[in-house]
């Protein structure tokens, strides 16, 4: 029985790395926006109504862009699930990036040595199975499924490879649905925030003389814009990463299938009957150097 492939990148490390990157991005992005917005911008915004609305209306921007925490606060309660989605996205992207490395899924030294020894007839069933169990990689799991049908007709060996390949494919596609879910849910949350913000803005119009005082509309409109921007900011990278990982899994599965066909050609009953049996190498006495 083949043991599962060990996790070279623990999930806890992925969550910690995601937290560090997320906090760093929250600190860096607003500062960059502030540098572009600060040039030539007055410190106070005066009302266009003149003396009727005395003094400055506000000392801050209606839509905050200098402090990430104020952006989240002004974006309304729906900014919290969008931030959670961004955190989940980063964690699973880090985990899949490490887990889907070609050197981990298809280790080249193992595959090259294993196929070469099969072609040259240097392996029997027990030794080949032991090599697959020692490798513990996804491609070794597929090879092991074929080795268990050693000496059977080619149809049975191919079916064993198909069954093992389906299990390996499910493992390689792990967590991809989560990334796809983030890409789907995030813009919907942003759209919901937009609707809530616009409802708040229209309520202000209905309950106060907001047409003459735009500052009363700023909160609802800013909430609508911020949630929409946040949802799209999370959804677009999530969709890109999802398509990238799906493409990588497909390429890996195609390569594993091609290598599995080489195993079928080496250990099926039809090939073993036509292949001449190699005589075992003679062992030599360590004391006399003669053949045992």
C-alpha atoms as a PDB file:
ATOM      1  CA  UNK A   1       0.000   0.000   0.000  1.00  0.00           C
ATOM      2  CA  UNK A   2       1.494   3.320  -1.078  1.00  0.00           C
ATOM      3  CA  UNK A   3       1.631   6.009   1.523  1.00  0.00           C
ATOM      4  CA  UNK A   4       0.535   9.492   0.619  1.00  0.00           C
ATOM      5  CA  UNK A   5       2.952  12.054  -0.608  1.00  0.00           C
ATOM      6  CA  UNK A   6       4.244  14.123   2.314  1.00  0.00           C
ATOM      7  CA  UNK A   7       3.457  17.822   2.503  1.00  0.00           C
ATOM      8  CA  UNK A   8       6.680  19.663   1.813  1.00  0.00           C
ATOM      9  CA  UNK A   9       4.935  22.969   2.488  1.00  0.00           C
ATOM     10  CA  UNK A  10       2.791  22.751   5.632  1.00  0.00           C
ATOM     11  CA  UNK A  11      -0.579  24.524   5.492  1.00  0.00           C
ATOM     12  CA  UNK A  12       0.334  26.489   8.633  1.00  0.00           C
ATOM     13  CA  UNK A  13       3.289  28.013   6.793  1.00  0.00           C
ATOM     14  CA  UNK A  14       1.000  29.003   3.927  1.00  0.00           C
ATOM     15  CA  UNK A  15      -1.386  30.770   6.310  1.00  0.00           C
ATOM     16  CA  UNK A  16       1.457  32.616   8.064  1.00  0.00           C
ATOM     17  CA  UNK A  17       2.993  33.685   4.769  1.00  0.00           C
ATOM     18  CA  UNK A  18      -0.391  34.859   3.511  1.00  0.00           C
ATOM     19  CA  UNK A  19      -0.873  36.940   6.652  1.00  0.00           C
ATOM     20  CA  UNK A  20       2.529  38.566   6.258  1.00  0.00           C
ATOM     21  CA  UNK A  21       2.006  39.398   2.570  1.00  0.00           C
ATOM     22  CA  UNK A  22      -1.536  40.648   3.146  1.00  0.00           C
ATOM     23  CA  UNK A  23      -0.498  42.999   5.940  1.00  0.00           C
ATOM     24  CA  UNK A  24       2.434  44.224   3.875  1.00  0.00           C
ATOM     25  CA  UNK A  25       0.216  44.926   0.874  1.00  0.00           C
ATOM     26  CA  UNK A  26      -2.307  46.741   3.061  1.00  0.00           C
ATOM     27  CA  UNK A  27       0.494  49.002   4.276  1.00  0.00           C
ATOM     28  CA  UNK A  28       2.153  49.555   0.895  1.00  0.00           C
ATOM     29  CA  UNK A  29      -0.763  50.156  -1.462  1.00  0.00           C
ATOM     30  CA  UNK A  30      -2.371  53.090   0.405  1.00  0.00           C
ATOM     31  CA  UNK A  31       0.979  54.834   0.824  1.00  0.00           C
ATOM     32  CA  UNK A  32       1.617  54.591  -2.909  1.00  0.00           C
ATOM     33  CA  UNK A  33      -1.820  55.986  -3.659  1.00  0.00           C
ATOM     34  CA  UNK A  34      -1.288  58.786  -1.165  1.00  0.00           C
ATOM     35  CA  UNK A  35       1.935  59.855  -2.893  1.00  0.00           C
ATOM     36  CA  UNK A  36       0.143  60.178  -6.230  1.00  0.00           C
ATOM     37  CA  UNK A  37      -2.821  62.024  -4.752  1.00  0.00           C
ATOM     38  CA  UNK A  38      -0.986  64.403  -2.435  1.00  0.00           C
ATOM     39  CA  UNK A  39       0.633  66.526  -5.146  1.00  0.00           C
ATOM     40  CA  UNK A  40      -1.245  69.785  -5.608  1.00  0.00           C
ATOM     41  CA  UNK A  41      -4.144  68.747  -3.402  1.00  0.00           C
ATOM     42  CA  UNK A  42      -5.479  71.340  -0.904  1.00  0.00           C
ATOM     43  CA  UNK A  43      -5.797  70.458   2.716  1.00  0.00           C
ATOM     44  CA  UNK A  44      -9.481  71.407   2.989  1.00  0.00           C
ATOM     45  CA  UNK A  45     -12.433  71.186   0.655  1.00  0.00           C
ATOM     46  CA  UNK A  46     -14.713  74.187   0.760  1.00  0.00           C
ATOM     47  CA  UNK A  47     -18.364  74.109  -0.066  1.00  0.00           C
ATOM     48  CA  UNK A  48     -19.392  75.441  -3.481  1.00  0.00           C
ATOM     49  CA  UNK A  49     -22.329  77.237  -1.852  1.00  0.00           C
ATOM     50  CA  UNK A  50     -20.059  79.966  -0.444  1.00  0.00           C
ATOM     51  CA  UNK A  51     -21.037  81.709   2.772  1.00  0.00           C
ATOM     52  CA  UNK A  52     -24.323  79.811   3.066  1.00  0.00           C
ATOM     53  CA  UNK A  53     -22.391  76.738   4.151  1.00  0.00           C
ATOM     54  CA  UNK A  54     -19.821  78.303   6.407  1.00  0.00           C
ATOM     55  CA  UNK A  55     -16.299  76.963   6.694  1.00  0.00           C
ATOM     56  CA  UNK A  56     -14.754  73.863   5.232  1.00  0.00           C
ATOM     57  CA  UNK A  57     -16.996  70.875   4.716  1.00  0.00           C
ATOM     58  CA  UNK A  58     -14.381  68.286   5.619  1.00  0.00           C
ATOM     59  CA  UNK A  59     -10.658  68.014   6.189  1.00  0.00           C
ATOM     60  CA  UNK A  60     -10.411  64.536   4.704  1.00  0.00           C
ATOM     61  CA  UNK A  61     -11.070  62.996   1.337  1.00  0.00           C
ATOM     62  CA  UNK A  62     -14.652  61.742   0.903  1.00  0.00           C
ATOM     63  CA  UNK A  63     -13.198  58.470  -0.388  1.00  0.00           C
ATOM     64  CA  UNK A  64     -10.185  57.567   1.784  1.00  0.00           C
ATOM     65  CA  UNK A  65      -7.057  56.372  -0.012  1.00  0.00           C
ATOM     66  CA  UNK A  66      -4.264  57.035   2.495  1.00  0.00           C
ATOM     67  CA  UNK A  67      -4.953  54.498   5.212  1.00  0.00           C
ATOM     68  CA  UNK A  68      -5.979  50.896   4.483  1.00  0.00           C
ATOM     69  CA  UNK A  69      -7.771  50.528   7.776  1.00  0.00           C
ATOM     70  CA  UNK A  70      -9.856  53.613   7.054  1.00  0.00           C
ATOM     71  CA  UNK A  71     -10.616  52.200   3.610  1.00  0.00           C
ATOM     72  CA  UNK A  72     -11.896  48.998   5.173  1.00  0.00           C
ATOM     73  CA  UNK A  73     -13.885  50.951   7.744  1.00  0.00           C
ATOM     74  CA  UNK A  74     -15.445  53.321   5.230  1.00  0.00           C
ATOM     75  CA  UNK A  75     -16.188  50.463   2.848  1.00  0.00           C
ATOM     76  CA  UNK A  76     -18.779  49.097   5.208  1.00  0.00           C
ATOM     77  CA  UNK A  77     -19.293  45.656   6.764  1.00  0.00           C
ATOM     78  CA  UNK A  78     -18.964  43.846   3.435  1.00  0.00           C
ATOM     79  CA  UNK A  79     -15.273  44.761   3.320  1.00  0.00           C
ATOM     80  CA  UNK A  80     -14.665  42.176   6.036  1.00  0.00           C
ATOM     81  CA  UNK A  81     -15.678  39.109   3.970  1.00  0.00           C
ATOM     82  CA  UNK A  82     -13.791  40.531   0.985  1.00  0.00           C
ATOM     83  CA  UNK A  83     -10.665  40.823   3.155  1.00  0.00           C
ATOM     84  CA  UNK A  84     -11.184  37.226   4.326  1.00  0.00           C
ATOM     85  CA  UNK A  85     -11.418  36.133   0.690  1.00  0.00           C
ATOM     86  CA  UNK A  86      -8.107  37.845  -0.081  1.00  0.00           C
ATOM     87  CA  UNK A  87      -6.484  36.096   2.876  1.00  0.00           C
ATOM     88  CA  UNK A  88      -7.799  32.684   1.762  1.00  0.00           C
ATOM     89  CA  UNK A  89      -6.643  33.348  -1.794  1.00  0.00           C
ATOM     90  CA  UNK A  90      -3.078  34.143  -0.766  1.00  0.00           C
ATOM     91  CA  UNK A  91      -2.800  31.094   1.484  1.00  0.00           C
ATOM     92  CA  UNK A  92      -4.001  28.602  -1.123  1.00  0.00           C
ATOM     93  CA  UNK A  93      -2.006  30.209  -3.924  1.00  0.00           C
ATOM     94  CA  UNK A  94       1.185  29.756  -1.896  1.00  0.00           C
ATOM     95  CA  UNK A  95       0.260  26.154  -1.069  1.00  0.00           C
ATOM     96  CA  UNK A  96      -0.566  25.211  -4.683  1.00  0.00           C
ATOM     97  CA  UNK A  97       2.512  26.980  -6.050  1.00  0.00           C
ATOM     98  CA  UNK A  98       4.756  24.749  -3.958  1.00  0.00           C
ATOM     99  CA  UNK A  99       2.704  21.553  -4.262  1.00  0.00           C
ATOM    100  CA  UNK A 100       2.450  21.713  -8.066  1.00  0.00           C
ATOM    101  CA  UNK A 101       6.148  22.110  -8.712  1.00  0.00           C
ATOM    102  CA  UNK A 102       7.208  19.753 -11.489  1.00  0.00           C
ATOM    103  CA  UNK A 103      10.161  18.502  -9.455  1.00  0.00           C
ATOM    104  CA  UNK A 104       7.765  17.367  -6.735  1.00  0.00           C
ATOM    105  CA  UNK A 105       5.073  15.831  -8.955  1.00  0.00           C
ATOM    106  CA  UNK A 106       7.414  14.259 -11.534  1.00  0.00           C
ATOM    107  CA  UNK A 107      10.905  13.971 -10.016  1.00  0.00           C
ATOM    108  CA  UNK A 108      13.188  13.625 -12.988  1.00  0.00           C
ATOM    109  CA  UNK A 109      15.943  11.452 -11.401  1.00  0.00           C
ATOM    110  CA  UNK A 110      13.426   8.844 -10.214  1.00  0.00           C
ATOM    111  CA  UNK A 111      11.537   8.688 -13.524  1.00  0.00           C
ATOM    112  CA  UNK A 112      14.685   8.494 -15.619  1.00  0.00           C
ATOM    113  CA  UNK A 113      16.221   5.727 -13.519  1.00  0.00           C
ATOM    114  CA  UNK A 114      12.976   3.761 -13.163  1.00  0.00           C
ATOM    115  CA  UNK A 115      12.143   3.721 -16.888  1.00  0.00           C
ATOM    116  CA  UNK A 116      15.719   2.905 -17.839  1.00  0.00           C
ATOM    117  CA  UNK A 117      15.850  -0.088 -15.509  1.00  0.00           C
ATOM    118  CA  UNK A 118      12.491  -1.308 -16.791  1.00  0.00           C
ATOM    119  CA  UNK A 119      13.620  -1.135 -20.413  1.00  0.00           C
ATOM    120  CA  UNK A 120      16.835  -2.977 -19.627  1.00  0.00           C
ATOM    121  CA  UNK A 121      15.061  -5.649 -17.569  1.00  0.00           C
ATOM    122  CA  UNK A 122      16.916  -4.877 -14.350  1.00  0.00           C
ATOM    123  CA  UNK A 123      13.771  -4.727 -12.191  1.00  0.00           C
ATOM    124  CA  UNK A 124      11.323  -7.326 -11.015  1.00  0.00           C
ATOM    125  CA  UNK A 125       7.893  -6.716  -9.537  1.00  0.00           C
ATOM    126  CA  UNK A 126       8.963  -6.490  -5.880  1.00  0.00           C
ATOM    127  CA  UNK A 127      11.907  -4.189  -6.498  1.00  0.00           C
ATOM    128  CA  UNK A 128       9.948  -1.882  -8.801  1.00  0.00           C
ATOM    129  CA  UNK A 129       7.150  -1.572  -6.256  1.00  0.00           C
ATOM    130  CA  UNK A 130       9.680  -0.820  -3.522  1.00  0.00           C
ATOM    131  CA  UNK A 131      11.188   1.992  -5.610  1.00  0.00           C
ATOM    132  CA  UNK A 132       7.758   3.534  -6.135  1.00  0.00           C
ATOM    133  CA  UNK A 133       6.978   3.372  -2.429  1.00  0.00           C
ATOM    134  CA  UNK A 134      10.298   5.015  -1.590  1.00  0.00           C
ATOM    135  CA  UNK A 135       9.683   7.905  -4.013  1.00  0.00           C
ATOM    136  CA  UNK A 136       6.174   8.721  -2.697  1.00  0.00           C
ATOM    137  CA  UNK A 137       5.574  11.178  -5.548  1.00  0.00           C
ATOM    138  CA  UNK A 138       2.364  11.375  -7.627  1.00  0.00           C
ATOM    139  CA  UNK A 139       4.037   9.847 -10.679  1.00  0.00           C
ATOM    140  CA  UNK A 140       5.355   7.015  -8.507  1.00  0.00           C
ATOM    141  CA  UNK A 141       1.809   6.303  -7.351  1.00  0.00           C
ATOM    142  CA  UNK A 142       0.741   5.876 -10.976  1.00  0.00           C
ATOM    143  CA  UNK A 143       3.717   3.634 -11.679  1.00  0.00           C
ATOM    144  CA  UNK A 144       2.921   1.538  -8.617  1.00  0.00           C
ATOM    145  CA  UNK A 145      -0.622   0.950  -9.844  1.00  0.00           C
ATOM    146  CA  UNK A 146       0.794  -0.444 -13.067  1.00  0.00           C
ATOM    147  CA  UNK A 147       3.488  -2.511 -11.328  1.00  0.00           C
ATOM    148  CA  UNK A 148       0.823  -4.320  -9.285  1.00  0.00           C
ATOM    149  CA  UNK A 149      -0.473  -5.659 -12.610  1.00  0.00           C
ATOM    150  CA  UNK A 150       2.971  -6.875 -13.615  1.00  0.00           C
ATOM    151  CA  UNK A 151       2.762  -9.575 -16.277  1.00  0.00           C
ATOM    152  CA  UNK A 152      -0.955  -9.026 -16.950  1.00  0.00           C
ATOM    153  CA  UNK A 153      -2.349  -8.135 -20.393  1.00  0.00           C
ATOM    154  CA  UNK A 154      -1.739  -4.597 -21.583  1.00  0.00           C
ATOM    155  CA  UNK A 155      -5.432  -3.736 -21.209  1.00  0.00           C
ATOM    156  CA  UNK A 156      -5.375  -4.499 -17.475  1.00  0.00           C
ATOM    157  CA  UNK A 157      -2.156  -2.572 -16.937  1.00  0.00           C
ATOM    158  CA  UNK A 158      -3.553   0.452 -18.771  1.00  0.00           C
ATOM    159  CA  UNK A 159      -6.733   0.320 -16.690  1.00  0.00           C
ATOM    160  CA  UNK A 160      -4.638   0.283 -13.523  1.00  0.00           C
ATOM    161  CA  UNK A 161      -2.801   3.381 -14.743  1.00  0.00           C
ATOM    162  CA  UNK A 162      -6.116   5.102 -15.478  1.00  0.00           C
ATOM    163  CA  UNK A 163      -7.448   4.333 -11.996  1.00  0.00           C
ATOM    164  CA  UNK A 164      -4.268   5.537 -10.313  1.00  0.00           C
ATOM    165  CA  UNK A 165      -4.174   8.594 -12.557  1.00  0.00           C
ATOM    166  CA  UNK A 166      -7.676   9.610 -11.483  1.00  0.00           C
ATOM    167  CA  UNK A 167      -6.659   9.523  -7.823  1.00  0.00           C
ATOM    168  CA  UNK A 168      -3.520  11.519  -8.570  1.00  0.00           C
ATOM    169  CA  UNK A 169      -5.508  14.052 -10.598  1.00  0.00           C
ATOM    170  CA  UNK A 170      -7.890  14.616  -7.701  1.00  0.00           C
ATOM    171  CA  UNK A 171      -4.914  15.267  -5.438  1.00  0.00           C
ATOM    172  CA  UNK A 172      -3.319  17.718  -7.865  1.00  0.00           C
ATOM    173  CA  UNK A 173      -6.587  19.623  -8.267  1.00  0.00           C
ATOM    174  CA  UNK A 174      -7.038  19.986  -4.531  1.00  0.00           C
ATOM    175  CA  UNK A 175      -8.031  23.488  -3.391  1.00  0.00           C
ATOM    176  CA  UNK A 176      -8.510  24.746  -6.957  1.00  0.00           C
ATOM    177  CA  UNK A 177     -12.237  24.944  -6.332  1.00  0.00           C
ATOM    178  CA  UNK A 178     -11.516  27.200  -3.378  1.00  0.00           C
ATOM    179  CA  UNK A 179      -9.577  29.607  -5.601  1.00  0.00           C
ATOM    180  CA  UNK A 180     -12.348  29.488  -8.192  1.00  0.00           C
ATOM    181  CA  UNK A 181     -14.887  30.134  -5.452  1.00  0.00           C
ATOM    182  CA  UNK A 182     -12.990  33.232  -4.322  1.00  0.00           C
ATOM    183  CA  UNK A 183     -12.952  34.485  -7.931  1.00  0.00           C
ATOM    184  CA  UNK A 184     -16.720  34.019  -8.100  1.00  0.00           C
ATOM    185  CA  UNK A 185     -17.777  35.271  -4.677  1.00  0.00           C
ATOM    186  CA  UNK A 186     -15.565  38.368  -4.376  1.00  0.00           C
ATOM    187  CA  UNK A 187     -17.149  40.429  -7.185  1.00  0.00           C
ATOM    188  CA  UNK A 188     -20.601  39.425  -5.926  1.00  0.00           C
ATOM    189  CA  UNK A 189     -19.706  40.763  -2.495  1.00  0.00           C
ATOM    190  CA  UNK A 190     -18.452  43.949  -4.112  1.00  0.00           C
ATOM    191  CA  UNK A 191     -21.681  44.259  -6.090  1.00  0.00           C
ATOM    192  CA  UNK A 192     -23.710  43.758  -2.935  1.00  0.00           C
ATOM    193  CA  UNK A 193     -21.662  46.471  -1.235  1.00  0.00           C
ATOM    194  CA  UNK A 194     -22.353  48.751  -4.189  1.00  0.00           C
ATOM    195  CA  UNK A 195     -26.091  48.195  -3.850  1.00  0.00           C
ATOM    196  CA  UNK A 196     -25.992  48.795  -0.087  1.00  0.00           C
ATOM    197  CA  UNK A 197     -23.956  51.990  -0.537  1.00  0.00           C
ATOM    198  CA  UNK A 198     -26.310  53.356  -3.158  1.00  0.00           C
ATOM    199  CA  UNK A 199     -29.303  52.562  -0.962  1.00  0.00           C
ATOM    200  CA  UNK A 200     -27.661  54.540   1.821  1.00  0.00           C
ATOM    201  CA  UNK A 201     -26.987  57.447  -0.530  1.00  0.00           C
ATOM    202  CA  UNK A 202     -30.594  57.559  -1.743  1.00  0.00           C
ATOM    203  CA  UNK A 203     -31.839  57.351   1.825  1.00  0.00           C
ATOM    204  CA  UNK A 204     -29.790  60.438   2.607  1.00  0.00           C
ATOM    205  CA  UNK A 205     -31.387  62.198  -0.338  1.00  0.00           C
ATOM    206  CA  UNK A 206     -34.854  61.243   0.901  1.00  0.00           C
ATOM    207  CA  UNK A 207     -34.338  62.194   4.529  1.00  0.00           C
ATOM    208  CA  UNK A 208     -32.299  65.413   4.143  1.00  0.00           C
ATOM    209  CA  UNK A 209     -31.627  68.200   1.726  1.00  0.00           C
ATOM    210  CA  UNK A 210     -28.707  66.254   0.283  1.00  0.00           C
ATOM    211  CA  UNK A 211     -28.857  67.772  -3.171  1.00  0.00           C
ATOM    212  CA  UNK A 212     -27.410  70.978  -1.802  1.00  0.00           C
ATOM    213  CA  UNK A 213     -24.926  69.275   0.520  1.00  0.00           C
ATOM    214  CA  UNK A 214     -22.839  66.665  -1.337  1.00  0.00           C
ATOM    215  CA  UNK A 215     -20.985  65.680   1.815  1.00  0.00           C
ATOM    216  CA  UNK A 216     -24.097  63.857   2.987  1.00  0.00           C
ATOM    217  CA  UNK A 217     -23.932  61.639  -0.098  1.00  0.00           C
ATOM    218  CA  UNK A 218     -20.209  60.971   0.151  1.00  0.00           C
ATOM    219  CA  UNK A 219     -20.460  58.153   2.680  1.00  0.00           C
ATOM    220  CA  UNK A 220     -22.901  56.037   0.714  1.00  0.00           C
ATOM    221  CA  UNK A 221     -21.206  56.637  -2.623  1.00  0.00           C
ATOM    222  CA  UNK A 222     -17.738  55.955  -1.212  1.00  0.00           C
ATOM    223  CA  UNK A 223     -18.956  52.708   0.343  1.00  0.00           C
ATOM    224  CA  UNK A 224     -20.335  51.651  -3.028  1.00  0.00           C
ATOM    225  CA  UNK A 225     -17.114  52.453  -4.882  1.00  0.00           C
ATOM    226  CA  UNK A 226     -14.770  50.956  -2.283  1.00  0.00           C
ATOM    227  CA  UNK A 227     -16.539  47.597  -2.062  1.00  0.00           C
ATOM    228  CA  UNK A 228     -16.687  47.310  -5.848  1.00  0.00           C
ATOM    229  CA  UNK A 229     -12.979  48.075  -6.196  1.00  0.00           C
ATOM    230  CA  UNK A 230     -12.057  45.682  -3.375  1.00  0.00           C
ATOM    231  CA  UNK A 231     -14.122  42.838  -4.803  1.00  0.00           C
ATOM    232  CA  UNK A 232     -12.591  43.199  -8.268  1.00  0.00           C
ATOM    233  CA  UNK A 233      -9.101  43.523  -6.798  1.00  0.00           C
ATOM    234  CA  UNK A 234      -9.482  40.106  -5.188  1.00  0.00           C
ATOM    235  CA  UNK A 235     -11.452  38.411  -7.979  1.00  0.00           C
ATOM    236  CA  UNK A 236      -9.188  39.238 -10.918  1.00  0.00           C
ATOM    237  CA  UNK A 237      -5.984  37.686  -9.457  1.00  0.00           C
ATOM    238  CA  UNK A 238      -8.008  34.728  -8.183  1.00  0.00           C
ATOM    239  CA  UNK A 239      -9.305  33.967 -11.680  1.00  0.00           C
ATOM    240  CA  UNK A 240      -5.824  34.329 -13.179  1.00  0.00           C
ATOM    241  CA  UNK A 241      -4.294  31.962 -10.625  1.00  0.00           C
ATOM    242  CA  UNK A 242      -7.117  29.457 -11.089  1.00  0.00           C
ATOM    243  CA  UNK A 243      -6.599  29.290 -14.859  1.00  0.00           C
ATOM    244  CA  UNK A 244      -2.839  29.050 -14.389  1.00  0.00           C
ATOM    245  CA  UNK A 245      -3.045  26.149 -11.935  1.00  0.00           C
ATOM    246  CA  UNK A 246      -5.613  24.278 -14.042  1.00  0.00           C
ATOM    247  CA  UNK A 247      -3.302  24.567 -17.047  1.00  0.00           C
ATOM    248  CA  UNK A 248      -0.346  23.330 -15.008  1.00  0.00           C
ATOM    249  CA  UNK A 249      -2.270  20.315 -13.712  1.00  0.00           C
ATOM    250  CA  UNK A 250      -3.351  19.419 -17.243  1.00  0.00           C
ATOM    251  CA  UNK A 251       0.243  19.527 -18.484  1.00  0.00           C
ATOM    252  CA  UNK A 252       1.442  17.372 -15.603  1.00  0.00           C
ATOM    253  CA  UNK A 253      -1.299  14.791 -16.197  1.00  0.00           C
ATOM    254  CA  UNK A 254      -0.426  14.577 -19.901  1.00  0.00           C
ATOM    255  CA  UNK A 255       3.232  13.964 -19.056  1.00  0.00           C
ATOM    256  CA  UNK A 256       2.360  11.328 -16.446  1.00  0.00           C
ATOM    257  CA  UNK A 257       0.114   9.530 -18.934  1.00  0.00           C
ATOM    258  CA  UNK A 258       2.900   9.433 -21.530  1.00  0.00           C
ATOM    259  CA  UNK A 259       5.311   7.969 -18.973  1.00  0.00           C
ATOM    260  CA  UNK A 260       2.687   5.451 -17.894  1.00  0.00           C
ATOM    261  CA  UNK A 261       2.481   4.176 -21.454  1.00  0.00           C
ATOM    262  CA  UNK A 262       6.191   3.435 -21.338  1.00  0.00           C
ATOM    263  CA  UNK A 263       5.621   1.372 -18.205  1.00  0.00           C
ATOM    264  CA  UNK A 264       2.833  -0.552 -19.959  1.00  0.00           C
ATOM    265  CA  UNK A 265       5.130  -1.299 -22.872  1.00  0.00           C
ATOM    266  CA  UNK A 266       7.726  -2.674 -20.468  1.00  0.00           C
ATOM    267  CA  UNK A 267       5.735  -4.861 -18.037  1.00  0.00           C
ATOM    268  CA  UNK A 268       2.674  -6.089 -19.949  1.00  0.00           C
ATOM    269  CA  UNK A 269       2.347  -9.795 -20.707  1.00  0.00           C
ATOM    270  CA  UNK A 270       2.755  -9.237 -24.452  1.00  0.00           C
ATOM    271  CA  UNK A 271       6.037  -7.408 -23.988  1.00  0.00           C
ATOM    272  CA  UNK A 272       7.433  -9.823 -21.412  1.00  0.00           C
ATOM    273  CA  UNK A 273       6.844 -12.781 -23.733  1.00  0.00           C
ATOM    274  CA  UNK A 274       8.760 -11.149 -26.574  1.00  0.00           C
ATOM    275  CA  UNK A 275      11.533  -9.795 -24.367  1.00  0.00           C
ATOM    276  CA  UNK A 276      14.465 -12.179 -23.712  1.00  0.00           C
ATOM    277  CA  UNK A 277      15.102 -12.809 -20.066  1.00  0.00           C
ATOM    278  CA  UNK A 278      18.416 -11.431 -18.878  1.00  0.00           C
ATOM    279  CA  UNK A 279      20.581 -13.699 -16.821  1.00  0.00           C
ATOM    280  CA  UNK A 280      21.267 -12.362 -13.346  1.00  0.00           C
ATOM    281  CA  UNK A 281      24.675 -10.848 -12.826  1.00  0.00           C
ATOM    282  CA  UNK A 282      27.075 -13.276 -11.116  1.00  0.00           C
ATOM    283  CA  UNK A 283      28.103 -12.410  -7.618  1.00  0.00           C
ATOM    284  CA  UNK A 284      31.789 -12.357  -6.850  1.00  0.00           C
ATOM    285  CA  UNK A 285      33.566 -13.650  -3.812  1.00  0.00           C
ATOM    286  CA  UNK A 286      35.114 -10.752  -1.956  1.00  0.00           C
ATOM    287  CA  UNK A 287      38.089 -12.856  -0.911  1.00  0.00           C
ATOM    288  CA  UNK A 288      39.026 -14.545  -4.218  1.00  0.00           C
ATOM    289  CA  UNK A 289      37.299 -12.338  -6.779  1.00  0.00           C
ATOM    290  CA  UNK A 290      35.833 -15.449  -8.434  1.00  0.00           C
ATOM    291  CA  UNK A 291      32.234 -15.792  -9.552  1.00  0.00           C
ATOM    292  CA  UNK A 292      29.978 -17.340  -6.937  1.00  0.00           C
END
